[in-house]
PDB file of N, CA and C in Angstrom:
ATOM      1  N   LYS A   1     114.694  11.245 -88.435  1.00  0.00           N
ATOM      2  CA  LYS A   1     113.288  11.463 -88.111  1.00  0.00           C
ATOM      3  C   LYS A   1     113.172  12.467 -86.983  1.00  0.00           C
ATOM      4  N   ASP A   2     112.744  13.644 -87.285  1.00  0.00           N
ATOM      5  CA  ASP A   2     112.466  14.678 -86.290  1.00  0.00           C
ATOM      6  C   ASP A   2     113.650  15.024 -85.397  1.00  0.00           C
ATOM      7  N   ASP A   3     114.850  14.601 -85.729  1.00  0.00           N
ATOM      8  CA  ASP A   3     116.028  14.866 -84.908  1.00  0.00           C
ATOM      9  C   ASP A   3     115.855  14.435 -83.455  1.00  0.00           C
ATOM     10  N   LEU A   4     115.118  13.365 -83.229  1.00  0.00           N
ATOM     11  CA  LEU A   4     114.907  12.851 -81.883  1.00  0.00           C
ATOM     12  C   LEU A   4     115.705  11.572 -81.694  1.00  0.00           C
ATOM     13  N   PRO A   5     116.235  11.353 -80.495  1.00  0.00           N
ATOM     14  CA  PRO A   5     116.981  10.113 -80.265  1.00  0.00           C
ATOM     15  C   PRO A   5     116.055   8.909 -80.244  1.00  0.00           C
ATOM     16  N   ASN A   6     116.567   7.790 -80.694  1.00  0.00           N
ATOM     17  CA  ASN A   6     115.893   6.494 -80.600  1.00  0.00           C
ATOM     18  C   ASN A   6     114.629   6.363 -81.456  1.00  0.00           C
ATOM     19  N   VAL A   7     114.347   7.312 -82.325  1.00  0.00           N
ATOM     20  CA  VAL A   7     113.167   7.192 -83.169  1.00  0.00           C
ATOM     21  C   VAL A   7     113.492   6.229 -84.301  1.00  0.00           C
ATOM     22  N   GLY A   8     112.607   5.276 -84.508  1.00  0.00           N
ATOM     23  CA  GLY A   8     112.796   4.329 -85.589  1.00  0.00           C
ATOM     24  C   GLY A   8     113.479   3.045 -85.172  1.00  0.00           C
ATOM     25  N   TRP A   9     113.760   2.861 -83.895  1.00  0.00           N
ATOM     26  CA  TRP A   9     114.446   1.637 -83.455  1.00  0.00           C
ATOM     27  C   TRP A   9     113.506   0.444 -83.439  1.00  0.00           C
ATOM     28  N   MET A  10     112.213   0.710 -83.507  1.00  0.00           N
ATOM     29  CA  MET A  10     111.245  -0.371 -83.478  1.00  0.00           C
ATOM     30  C   MET A  10     110.169  -0.070 -84.521  1.00  0.00           C
ATOM     31  N   PRO A  11     109.689  -1.077 -85.241  1.00  0.00           N
ATOM     32  CA  PRO A  11     108.667  -0.808 -86.255  1.00  0.00           C
ATOM     33  C   PRO A  11     107.366  -0.320 -85.617  1.00  0.00           C
ATOM     34  N   THR A  12     106.652   0.513 -86.344  1.00  0.00           N
ATOM     35  CA  THR A  12     105.370   1.027 -85.897  1.00  0.00           C
ATOM     36  C   THR A  12     104.283   0.007 -86.190  1.00  0.00           C
ATOM     37  N   LEU A  13     103.402  -0.206 -85.231  1.00  0.00           N
ATOM     38  CA  LEU A  13     102.280  -1.126 -85.433  1.00  0.00           C
ATOM     39  C   LEU A  13     101.109  -0.385 -86.059  1.00  0.00           C
ATOM     40  N   SER A  14     100.460  -1.033 -87.006  1.00  0.00           N
ATOM     41  CA  SER A  14      99.273  -0.433 -87.603  1.00  0.00           C
ATOM     42  C   SER A  14      98.134  -0.430 -86.591  1.00  0.00           C
ATOM     43  N   LEU A  15      97.160   0.400 -86.834  1.00  0.00           N
ATOM     44  CA  LEU A  15      95.999   0.476 -85.957  1.00  0.00           C
ATOM     45  C   LEU A  15      95.301  -0.879 -85.884  1.00  0.00           C
ATOM     46  N   GLN A  16      95.161  -1.541 -87.010  1.00  0.00           N
ATOM     47  CA  GLN A  16      94.496  -2.848 -87.025  1.00  0.00           C
ATOM     48  C   GLN A  16      95.307  -3.885 -86.244  1.00  0.00           C
ATOM     49  N   ARG A  17      96.606  -3.831 -86.363  1.00  0.00           N
ATOM     50  CA  ARG A  17      97.446  -4.790 -85.626  1.00  0.00           C
ATOM     51  C   ARG A  17      97.298  -4.600 -84.116  1.00  0.00           C
ATOM     52  N   VAL A  18      97.213  -3.348 -83.669  1.00  0.00           N
ATOM     53  CA  VAL A  18      96.993  -3.075 -82.247  1.00  0.00           C
ATOM     54  C   VAL A  18      95.631  -3.617 -81.835  1.00  0.00           C
ATOM     55  N   TYR A  19      94.610  -3.357 -82.649  1.00  0.00           N
ATOM     56  CA  TYR A  19      93.254  -3.807 -82.324  1.00  0.00           C
ATOM     57  C   TYR A  19      93.162  -5.326 -82.228  1.00  0.00           C
ATOM     58  N   GLU A  20      93.916  -6.028 -83.040  1.00  0.00           N
ATOM     59  CA  GLU A  20      93.848  -7.486 -83.080  1.00  0.00           C
ATOM     60  C   GLU A  20      94.720  -8.166 -82.022  1.00  0.00           C
ATOM     61  N   PHE A  21      95.401  -7.379 -81.203  1.00  0.00           N
ATOM     62  CA  PHE A  21      96.248  -7.943 -80.158  1.00  0.00           C
ATOM     63  C   PHE A  21      95.421  -8.782 -79.189  1.00  0.00           C
ATOM     64  N   ASN A  22      95.938  -9.962 -78.876  1.00  0.00           N
ATOM     65  CA  ASN A  22      95.294 -10.856 -77.917  1.00  0.00           C
ATOM     66  C   ASN A  22      96.214 -10.986 -76.710  1.00  0.00           C
ATOM     67  N   PRO A  23      95.852 -10.347 -75.576  1.00  0.00           N
ATOM     68  CA  PRO A  23      96.731 -10.400 -74.409  1.00  0.00           C
ATOM     69  C   PRO A  23      97.009 -11.808 -73.899  1.00  0.00           C
ATOM     70  N   ALA A  24      96.170 -12.755 -74.243  1.00  0.00           N
ATOM     71  CA  ALA A  24      96.331 -14.135 -73.752  1.00  0.00           C
ATOM     72  C   ALA A  24      96.893 -15.071 -74.817  1.00  0.00           C
ATOM     73  N   PHE A  25      97.571 -14.531 -75.821  1.00  0.00           N
ATOM     74  CA  PHE A  25      97.974 -15.370 -76.957  1.00  0.00           C
ATOM     75  C   PHE A  25      98.889 -16.524 -76.591  1.00  0.00           C
ATOM     76  N   THR A  26      99.643 -16.429 -75.523  1.00  0.00           N
ATOM     77  CA  THR A  26     100.537 -17.539 -75.158  1.00  0.00           C
ATOM     78  C   THR A  26      99.958 -18.436 -74.068  1.00  0.00           C
ATOM     79  N   LEU A  27      98.801 -18.077 -73.549  1.00  0.00           N
ATOM     80  CA  LEU A  27      98.206 -18.837 -72.457  1.00  0.00           C
ATOM     81  C   LEU A  27      97.263 -19.898 -73.019  1.00  0.00           C
ATOM     82  N   THR A  28      97.267 -21.059 -72.386  1.00  0.00           N
ATOM     83  CA  THR A  28      96.493 -22.172 -72.945  1.00  0.00           C
ATOM     84  C   THR A  28      95.273 -22.561 -72.120  1.00  0.00           C
ATOM     85  N   THR A  29      95.251 -22.221 -70.841  1.00  0.00           N
ATOM     86  CA  THR A  29      94.123 -22.641 -70.013  1.00  0.00           C
ATOM     87  C   THR A  29      93.360 -21.423 -69.492  1.00  0.00           C
ATOM     88  N   GLU A  30      92.098 -21.637 -69.163  1.00  0.00           N
ATOM     89  CA  GLU A  30      91.288 -20.565 -68.596  1.00  0.00           C
ATOM     90  C   GLU A  30      91.852 -20.115 -67.255  1.00  0.00           C
ATOM     91  N   GLN A  31      92.426 -21.040 -66.513  1.00  0.00           N
ATOM     92  CA  GLN A  31      93.028 -20.698 -65.229  1.00  0.00           C
ATOM     93  C   GLN A  31      94.175 -19.701 -65.427  1.00  0.00           C
ATOM     94  N   GLU A  32      94.994 -19.911 -66.446  1.00  0.00           N
ATOM     95  CA  GLU A  32      96.078 -18.973 -66.742  1.00  0.00           C
ATOM     96  C   GLU A  32      95.520 -17.620 -67.185  1.00  0.00           C
ATOM     97  N   LYS A  33      94.515 -17.647 -68.035  1.00  0.00           N
ATOM     98  CA  LYS A  33      93.951 -16.415 -68.598  1.00  0.00           C
ATOM     99  C   LYS A  33      93.296 -15.530 -67.553  1.00  0.00           C
ATOM    100  N   GLN A  34      92.795 -16.128 -66.473  1.00  0.00           N
ATOM    101  CA  GLN A  34      92.119 -15.330 -65.452  1.00  0.00           C
ATOM    102  C   GLN A  34      93.076 -14.398 -64.705  1.00  0.00           C
ATOM    103  N   HIS A  35      94.371 -14.608 -64.862  1.00  0.00           N
ATOM    104  CA  HIS A  35      95.358 -13.766 -64.187  1.00  0.00           C
ATOM    105  C   HIS A  35      95.682 -12.493 -64.960  1.00  0.00           C
ATOM    106  N   ILE A  36      95.137 -12.360 -66.159  1.00  0.00           N
ATOM    107  CA  ILE A  36      95.355 -11.133 -66.922  1.00  0.00           C
ATOM    108  C   ILE A  36      94.479 -10.047 -66.300  1.00  0.00           C
ATOM    109  N   LEU A  37      95.114  -8.993 -65.853  1.00  0.00           N
ATOM    110  CA  LEU A  37      94.394  -7.908 -65.197  1.00  0.00           C
ATOM    111  C   LEU A  37      94.130  -6.733 -66.125  1.00  0.00           C
ATOM    112  N   GLY A  38      94.830  -6.653 -67.224  1.00  0.00           N
ATOM    113  CA  GLY A  38      94.640  -5.535 -68.136  1.00  0.00           C
ATOM    114  C   GLY A  38      95.740  -5.503 -69.174  1.00  0.00           C
ATOM    115  N   VAL A  39      95.792  -4.399 -69.877  1.00  0.00           N
ATOM    116  CA  VAL A  39      96.810  -4.199 -70.905  1.00  0.00           C
ATOM    117  C   VAL A  39      97.540  -2.886 -70.607  1.00  0.00           C
ATOM    118  N   GLU A  40      98.682  -2.709 -71.211  1.00  0.00           N
ATOM    119  CA  GLU A  40      99.474  -1.507 -70.974  1.00  0.00           C
ATOM    120  C   GLU A  40     100.113  -1.055 -72.279  1.00  0.00           C
ATOM    121  N   ALA A  41     100.169   0.238 -72.457  1.00  0.00           N
ATOM    122  CA  ALA A  41     100.877   0.828 -73.588  1.00  0.00           C
ATOM    123  C   ALA A  41     101.871   1.838 -73.025  1.00  0.00           C
ATOM    124  N   THR A  42     103.038   1.865 -73.588  1.00  0.00           N
ATOM    125  CA  THR A  42     104.056   2.787 -73.099  1.00  0.00           C
ATOM    126  C   THR A  42     104.561   3.675 -74.219  1.00  0.00           C
ATOM    127  N   ILE A  43     105.048   4.816 -73.838  1.00  0.00           N
ATOM    128  CA  ILE A  43     105.730   5.725 -74.766  1.00  0.00           C
ATOM    129  C   ILE A  43     107.071   6.063 -74.126  1.00  0.00           C
ATOM    130  N   TRP A  44     108.114   5.957 -74.899  1.00  0.00           N
ATOM    131  CA  TRP A  44     109.442   6.288 -74.397  1.00  0.00           C
ATOM    132  C   TRP A  44     109.564   7.810 -74.394  1.00  0.00           C
ATOM    133  N   GLY A  45     109.405   8.408 -73.243  1.00  0.00           N
ATOM    134  CA  GLY A  45     109.361   9.856 -73.111  1.00  0.00           C
ATOM    135  C   GLY A  45     110.595  10.583 -73.592  1.00  0.00           C
ATOM    136  N   GLU A  46     111.751   9.948 -73.482  1.00  0.00           N
ATOM    137  CA  GLU A  46     112.965  10.639 -73.922  1.00  0.00           C
ATOM    138  C   GLU A  46     113.007  10.839 -75.433  1.00  0.00           C
ATOM    139  N   SER A  47     112.109  10.168 -76.155  1.00  0.00           N
ATOM    140  CA  SER A  47     112.055  10.325 -77.605  1.00  0.00           C
ATOM    141  C   SER A  47     110.887  11.198 -78.053  1.00  0.00           C
ATOM    142  N   VAL A  48     110.228  11.851 -77.110  1.00  0.00           N
ATOM    143  CA  VAL A  48     109.064  12.677 -77.431  1.00  0.00           C
ATOM    144  C   VAL A  48     109.376  14.122 -77.059  1.00  0.00           C
ATOM    145  N   LYS A  49     109.345  15.007 -78.047  1.00  0.00           N
ATOM    146  CA  LYS A  49     109.795  16.376 -77.781  1.00  0.00           C
ATOM    147  C   LYS A  49     108.761  17.254 -77.096  1.00  0.00           C
ATOM    148  N   ASP A  50     107.462  16.923 -77.199  1.00  0.00           N
ATOM    149  CA  ASP A  50     106.447  17.734 -76.538  1.00  0.00           C
ATOM    150  C   ASP A  50     105.126  16.966 -76.460  1.00  0.00           C
ATOM    151  N   LEU A  51     104.164  17.546 -75.760  1.00  0.00           N
ATOM    152  CA  LEU A  51     102.876  16.890 -75.557  1.00  0.00           C
ATOM    153  C   LEU A  51     102.126  16.694 -76.872  1.00  0.00           C
ATOM    154  N   PHE A  52     102.251  17.649 -77.781  1.00  0.00           N
ATOM    155  CA  PHE A  52     101.611  17.554 -79.094  1.00  0.00           C
ATOM    156  C   PHE A  52     102.048  16.271 -79.798  1.00  0.00           C
ATOM    157  N   ARG A  53     103.337  15.985 -79.750  1.00  0.00           N
ATOM    158  CA  ARG A  53     103.889  14.769 -80.368  1.00  0.00           C
ATOM    159  C   ARG A  53     103.475  13.524 -79.588  1.00  0.00           C
ATOM    160  N   ALA A  54     103.410  13.617 -78.273  1.00  0.00           N
ATOM    161  CA  ALA A  54     102.993  12.474 -77.461  1.00  0.00           C
ATOM    162  C   ALA A  54     101.564  12.057 -77.804  1.00  0.00           C
ATOM    163  N   PHE A  55     100.679  13.036 -77.939  1.00  0.00           N
ATOM    164  CA  PHE A  55      99.303  12.713 -78.332  1.00  0.00           C
ATOM    165  C   PHE A  55      99.272  12.073 -79.716  1.00  0.00           C
ATOM    166  N   TYR A  56     100.060  12.618 -80.633  1.00  0.00           N
ATOM    167  CA  TYR A  56     100.126  12.070 -81.995  1.00  0.00           C
ATOM    168  C   TYR A  56     100.563  10.601 -81.967  1.00  0.00           C
ATOM    169  N   MET A  57     101.506  10.287 -81.105  1.00  0.00           N
ATOM    170  CA  MET A  57     102.007   8.918 -81.018  1.00  0.00           C
ATOM    171  C   MET A  57     101.042   7.993 -80.279  1.00  0.00           C
ATOM    172  N   THR A  58     100.145   8.561 -79.511  1.00  0.00           N
ATOM    173  CA  THR A  58      99.233   7.780 -78.687  1.00  0.00           C
ATOM    174  C   THR A  58      97.913   7.462 -79.383  1.00  0.00           C
ATOM    175  N   TYR A  59      97.348   8.435 -80.039  1.00  0.00           N
ATOM    176  CA  TYR A  59      95.998   8.264 -80.616  1.00  0.00           C
ATOM    177  C   TYR A  59      96.060   8.131 -82.118  1.00  0.00           C
ATOM    178  N   PRO A  60      95.264   7.257 -82.698  1.00  0.00           N
ATOM    179  CA  PRO A  60      94.145   6.495 -82.160  1.00  0.00           C
ATOM    180  C   PRO A  60      94.501   5.104 -81.640  1.00  0.00           C
ATOM    181  N   ARG A  61      95.798   4.781 -81.575  1.00  0.00           N
ATOM    182  CA  ARG A  61      96.157   3.439 -81.077  1.00  0.00           C
ATOM    183  C   ARG A  61      95.636   3.185 -79.670  1.00  0.00           C
ATOM    184  N   ALA A  62      95.610   4.217 -78.820  1.00  0.00           N
ATOM    185  CA  ALA A  62      95.095   4.035 -77.460  1.00  0.00           C
ATOM    186  C   ALA A  62      93.616   3.652 -77.478  1.00  0.00           C
ATOM    187  N   LEU A  63      92.876   4.143 -78.453  1.00  0.00           N
ATOM    188  CA  LEU A  63      91.466   3.759 -78.571  1.00  0.00           C
ATOM    189  C   LEU A  63      91.351   2.274 -78.889  1.00  0.00           C
ATOM    190  N   ALA A  64      92.190   1.803 -79.801  1.00  0.00           N
ATOM    191  CA  ALA A  64      92.174   0.381 -80.159  1.00  0.00           C
ATOM    192  C   ALA A  64      92.604  -0.478 -78.977  1.00  0.00           C
ATOM    193  N   LEU A  65      93.649  -0.067 -78.291  1.00  0.00           N
ATOM    194  CA  LEU A  65      94.129  -0.859 -77.160  1.00  0.00           C
ATOM    195  C   LEU A  65      93.133  -0.855 -76.009  1.00  0.00           C
ATOM    196  N   SER A  66      92.399   0.231 -75.837  1.00  0.00           N
ATOM    197  CA  SER A  66      91.360   0.266 -74.803  1.00  0.00           C
ATOM    198  C   SER A  66      90.318  -0.804 -75.058  1.00  0.00           C
ATOM    199  N   GLU A  67      89.933  -0.937 -76.307  1.00  0.00           N
ATOM    200  CA  GLU A  67      88.954  -1.974 -76.632  1.00  0.00           C
ATOM    201  C   GLU A  67      89.540  -3.366 -76.426  1.00  0.00           C
ATOM    202  N   VAL A  68      90.821  -3.529 -76.695  1.00  0.00           N
ATOM    203  CA  VAL A  68      91.494  -4.805 -76.438  1.00  0.00           C
ATOM    204  C   VAL A  68      91.365  -5.164 -74.960  1.00  0.00           C
ATOM    205  N   GLY A  69      91.558  -4.180 -74.104  1.00  0.00           N
ATOM    206  CA  GLY A  69      91.519  -4.430 -72.672  1.00  0.00           C
ATOM    207  C   GLY A  69      90.121  -4.675 -72.122  1.00  0.00           C
ATOM    208  N   TRP A  70      89.117  -4.128 -72.773  1.00  0.00           N
ATOM    209  CA  TRP A  70      87.757  -4.205 -72.234  1.00  0.00           C
ATOM    210  C   TRP A  70      86.869  -5.234 -72.914  1.00  0.00           C
ATOM    211  N   THR A  71      87.276  -5.734 -74.058  1.00  0.00           N
ATOM    212  CA  THR A  71      86.385  -6.584 -74.849  1.00  0.00           C
ATOM    213  C   THR A  71      87.020  -7.945 -75.116  1.00  0.00           C
ATOM    214  N   GLN A  72      86.298  -8.994 -74.822  1.00  0.00           N
ATOM    215  CA  GLN A  72      86.769 -10.348 -75.102  1.00  0.00           C
ATOM    216  C   GLN A  72      86.956 -10.532 -76.618  1.00  0.00           C
ATOM    217  N   MET A  73      87.905 -11.348 -77.008  1.00  0.00           N
ATOM    218  CA  MET A  73      88.198 -11.576 -78.428  1.00  0.00           C
ATOM    219  C   MET A  73      86.956 -11.921 -79.247  1.00  0.00           C
ATOM    220  N   PRO A  74      86.085 -12.841 -78.807  1.00  0.00           N
ATOM    221  CA  PRO A  74      84.929 -13.198 -79.649  1.00  0.00           C
ATOM    222  C   PRO A  74      83.943 -12.048 -79.879  1.00  0.00           C
ATOM    223  N   GLN A  75      83.960 -11.061 -78.993  1.00  0.00           N
ATOM    224  CA  GLN A  75      83.040  -9.938 -79.143  1.00  0.00           C
ATOM    225  C   GLN A  75      83.640  -8.768 -79.921  1.00  0.00           C
ATOM    226  N   ARG A  76      84.892  -8.828 -80.253  1.00  0.00           N
ATOM    227  CA  ARG A  76      85.532  -7.734 -80.987  1.00  0.00           C
ATOM    228  C   ARG A  76      85.239  -7.818 -82.472  1.00  0.00           C
ATOM    229  N   SER A  77      85.097  -6.660 -83.072  1.00  0.00           N
ATOM    230  CA  SER A  77      84.884  -6.574 -84.518  1.00  0.00           C
ATOM    231  C   SER A  77      85.661  -5.377 -85.050  1.00  0.00           C
ATOM    232  N   TRP A  78      86.649  -5.644 -85.880  1.00  0.00           N
ATOM    233  CA  TRP A  78      87.454  -4.579 -86.471  1.00  0.00           C
ATOM    234  C   TRP A  78      86.558  -3.598 -87.222  1.00  0.00           C
ATOM    235  N   GLN A  79      85.633  -4.103 -88.020  1.00  0.00           N
ATOM    236  CA  GLN A  79      84.785  -3.208 -88.810  1.00  0.00           C
ATOM    237  C   GLN A  79      83.910  -2.326 -87.925  1.00  0.00           C
ATOM    238  N   THR A  80      83.383  -2.872 -86.844  1.00  0.00           N
ATOM    239  CA  THR A  80      82.577  -2.073 -85.917  1.00  0.00           C
ATOM    240  C   THR A  80      83.440  -0.999 -85.265  1.00  0.00           C
ATOM    241  N   PHE A  81      84.665  -1.354 -84.913  1.00  0.00           N
ATOM    242  CA  PHE A  81      85.589  -0.368 -84.348  1.00  0.00           C
ATOM    243  C   PHE A  81      85.837   0.757 -85.349  1.00  0.00           C
ATOM    244  N   VAL A  82      86.123   0.406 -86.587  1.00  0.00           N
ATOM    245  CA  VAL A  82      86.377   1.403 -87.632  1.00  0.00           C
ATOM    246  C   VAL A  82      85.149   2.290 -87.819  1.00  0.00           C
ATOM    247  N   ASP A  83      83.967   1.702 -87.790  1.00  0.00           N
ATOM    248  CA  ASP A  83      82.736   2.474 -87.948  1.00  0.00           C
ATOM    249  C   ASP A  83      82.561   3.500 -86.832  1.00  0.00           C
ATOM    250  N   ARG A  84      83.011   3.203 -85.640  1.00  0.00           N
ATOM    251  CA  ARG A  84      82.894   4.121 -84.495  1.00  0.00           C
ATOM    252  C   ARG A  84      84.040   5.123 -84.425  1.00  0.00           C
ATOM    253  N   LEU A  85      85.121   4.835 -85.117  1.00  0.00           N
ATOM    254  CA  LEU A  85      86.341   5.620 -84.983  1.00  0.00           C
ATOM    255  C   LEU A  85      86.165   7.080 -85.372  1.00  0.00           C
ATOM    256  N   GLU A  86      85.422   7.367 -86.418  1.00  0.00           N
ATOM    257  CA  GLU A  86      85.255   8.751 -86.861  1.00  0.00           C
ATOM    258  C   GLU A  86      84.686   9.623 -85.740  1.00  0.00           C
ATOM    259  N   GLY A  87      83.682   9.128 -85.038  1.00  0.00           N
ATOM    260  CA  GLY A  87      83.105   9.880 -83.926  1.00  0.00           C
ATOM    261  C   GLY A  87      84.110  10.092 -82.802  1.00  0.00           C
ATOM    262  N   GLN A  88      84.920   9.087 -82.530  1.00  0.00           N
ATOM    263  CA  GLN A  88      85.923   9.206 -81.476  1.00  0.00           C
ATOM    264  C   GLN A  88      87.011  10.207 -81.854  1.00  0.00           C
ATOM    265  N   LEU A  89      87.442  10.165 -83.118  1.00  0.00           N
ATOM    266  CA  LEU A  89      88.462  11.111 -83.574  1.00  0.00           C
ATOM    267  C   LEU A  89      87.904  12.532 -83.606  1.00  0.00           C
ATOM    268  N   ASN A  90      86.649  12.669 -83.962  1.00  0.00           N
ATOM    269  CA  ASN A  90      86.008  13.985 -83.944  1.00  0.00           C
ATOM    270  C   ASN A  90      86.001  14.555 -82.526  1.00  0.00           C
ATOM    271  N   TYR A  91      85.704  13.715 -81.550  1.00  0.00           N
ATOM    272  CA  TYR A  91      85.730  14.138 -80.155  1.00  0.00           C
ATOM    273  C   TYR A  91      87.134  14.609 -79.762  1.00  0.00           C
ATOM    274  N   LEU A  92      88.152  13.826 -80.103  1.00  0.00           N
ATOM    275  CA  LEU A  92      89.528  14.218 -79.779  1.00  0.00           C
ATOM    276  C   LEU A  92      89.872  15.562 -80.414  1.00  0.00           C
ATOM    277  N   TRP A  93      89.484  15.753 -81.663  1.00  0.00           N
ATOM    278  CA  TRP A  93      89.766  17.009 -82.375  1.00  0.00           C
ATOM    279  C   TRP A  93      89.140  18.192 -81.638  1.00  0.00           C
ATOM    280  N   HIS A  94      87.882  18.035 -81.227  1.00  0.00           N
ATOM    281  CA  HIS A  94      87.196  19.111 -80.503  1.00  0.00           C
ATOM    282  C   HIS A  94      87.814  19.374 -79.130  1.00  0.00           C
ATOM    283  N   GLN A  95      88.483  18.386 -78.571  1.00  0.00           N
ATOM    284  CA  GLN A  95      89.165  18.556 -77.287  1.00  0.00           C
ATOM    285  C   GLN A  95      90.580  19.119 -77.462  1.00  0.00           C
ATOM    286  N   GLY A  96      90.999  19.305 -78.701  1.00  0.00           N
ATOM    287  CA  GLY A  96      92.333  19.836 -78.966  1.00  0.00           C
ATOM    288  C   GLY A  96      93.438  18.811 -78.856  1.00  0.00           C
ATOM    289  N   VAL A  97      93.091  17.537 -78.975  1.00  0.00           N
ATOM    290  CA  VAL A  97      94.077  16.462 -78.879  1.00  0.00           C
ATOM    291  C   VAL A  97      94.608  16.141 -80.273  1.00  0.00           C
ATOM    292  N   ASN A  98      95.898  16.306 -80.444  1.00  0.00           N
ATOM    293  CA  ASN A  98      96.530  15.943 -81.707  1.00  0.00           C
ATOM    294  C   ASN A  98      96.538  14.424 -81.830  1.00  0.00           C
ATOM    295  N   TYR A  99      96.246  13.910 -83.008  1.00  0.00           N
ATOM    296  CA  TYR A  99      96.282  12.462 -83.219  1.00  0.00           C
ATOM    297  C   TYR A  99      96.751  12.162 -84.626  1.00  0.00           C
ATOM    298  N   ARG A 100      97.199  10.945 -84.801  1.00  0.00           N
ATOM    299  CA  ARG A 100      97.633  10.490 -86.118  1.00  0.00           C
ATOM    300  C   ARG A 100      96.401  10.073 -86.909  1.00  0.00           C
ATOM    301  N   VAL A 101      96.181  10.732 -88.031  1.00  0.00           N
ATOM    302  CA  VAL A 101      95.057  10.366 -88.887  1.00  0.00           C
ATOM    303  C   VAL A 101      95.339   8.970 -89.445  1.00  0.00           C
ATOM    304  N   PRO A 102      94.417   8.032 -89.252  1.00  0.00           N
ATOM    305  CA  PRO A 102      94.660   6.664 -89.723  1.00  0.00           C
ATOM    306  C   PRO A 102      94.487   6.553 -91.240  1.00  0.00           C
ATOM    307  N   VAL A 103      95.500   7.020 -91.966  1.00  0.00           N
ATOM    308  CA  VAL A 103      95.439   7.053 -93.428  1.00  0.00           C
ATOM    309  C   VAL A 103      95.296   5.652 -94.026  1.00  0.00           C
ATOM    310  N   GLU A 104      95.681   4.625 -93.276  1.00  0.00           N
ATOM    311  CA  GLU A 104      95.560   3.271 -93.792  1.00  0.00           C
ATOM    312  C   GLU A 104      94.094   2.849 -93.943  1.00  0.00           C
ATOM    313  N   LEU A 105      93.170   3.613 -93.368  1.00  0.00           N
ATOM    314  CA  LEU A 105      91.747   3.292 -93.491  1.00  0.00           C
ATOM    315  C   LEU A 105      91.085   3.993 -94.662  1.00  0.00           C
ATOM    316  N   ALA A 106      91.785   4.939 -95.273  1.00  0.00           N
ATOM    317  CA  ALA A 106      91.224   5.683 -96.407  1.00  0.00           C
ATOM    318  C   ALA A 106      91.035   4.747 -97.602  1.00  0.00           C
ATOM    319  N   ASN A 107      89.894   4.870 -98.217  1.00  0.00           N
ATOM    320  CA  ASN A 107      89.617   4.042 -99.411  1.00  0.00           C
ATOM    321  C   ASN A 107      89.814   4.821-100.674  1.00  0.00           C
TER     322      ASN A 107
END
């Protein structure tokens, strides 16, 4: 894959799987849950050959994870996110940000 080291060592998460992530999935009490300060996404830089590829690996998953961090589980809606996604991707395109087209959403 792209002649890059360490590519493929971990399965890729779908956009929907990222969106459905619950940062408190192992916590059982509200007292425990209040200690969650946010979410984090990482990219292993040694496996990314340039910024163009880094953006491709980041977006649109970063959009989904942002909503995970800002929106409580009961208020999240996958379909509403998908409905807004086209406008967000259009914005990224106009800004010159390379992103992975979410082909899994094509009907």
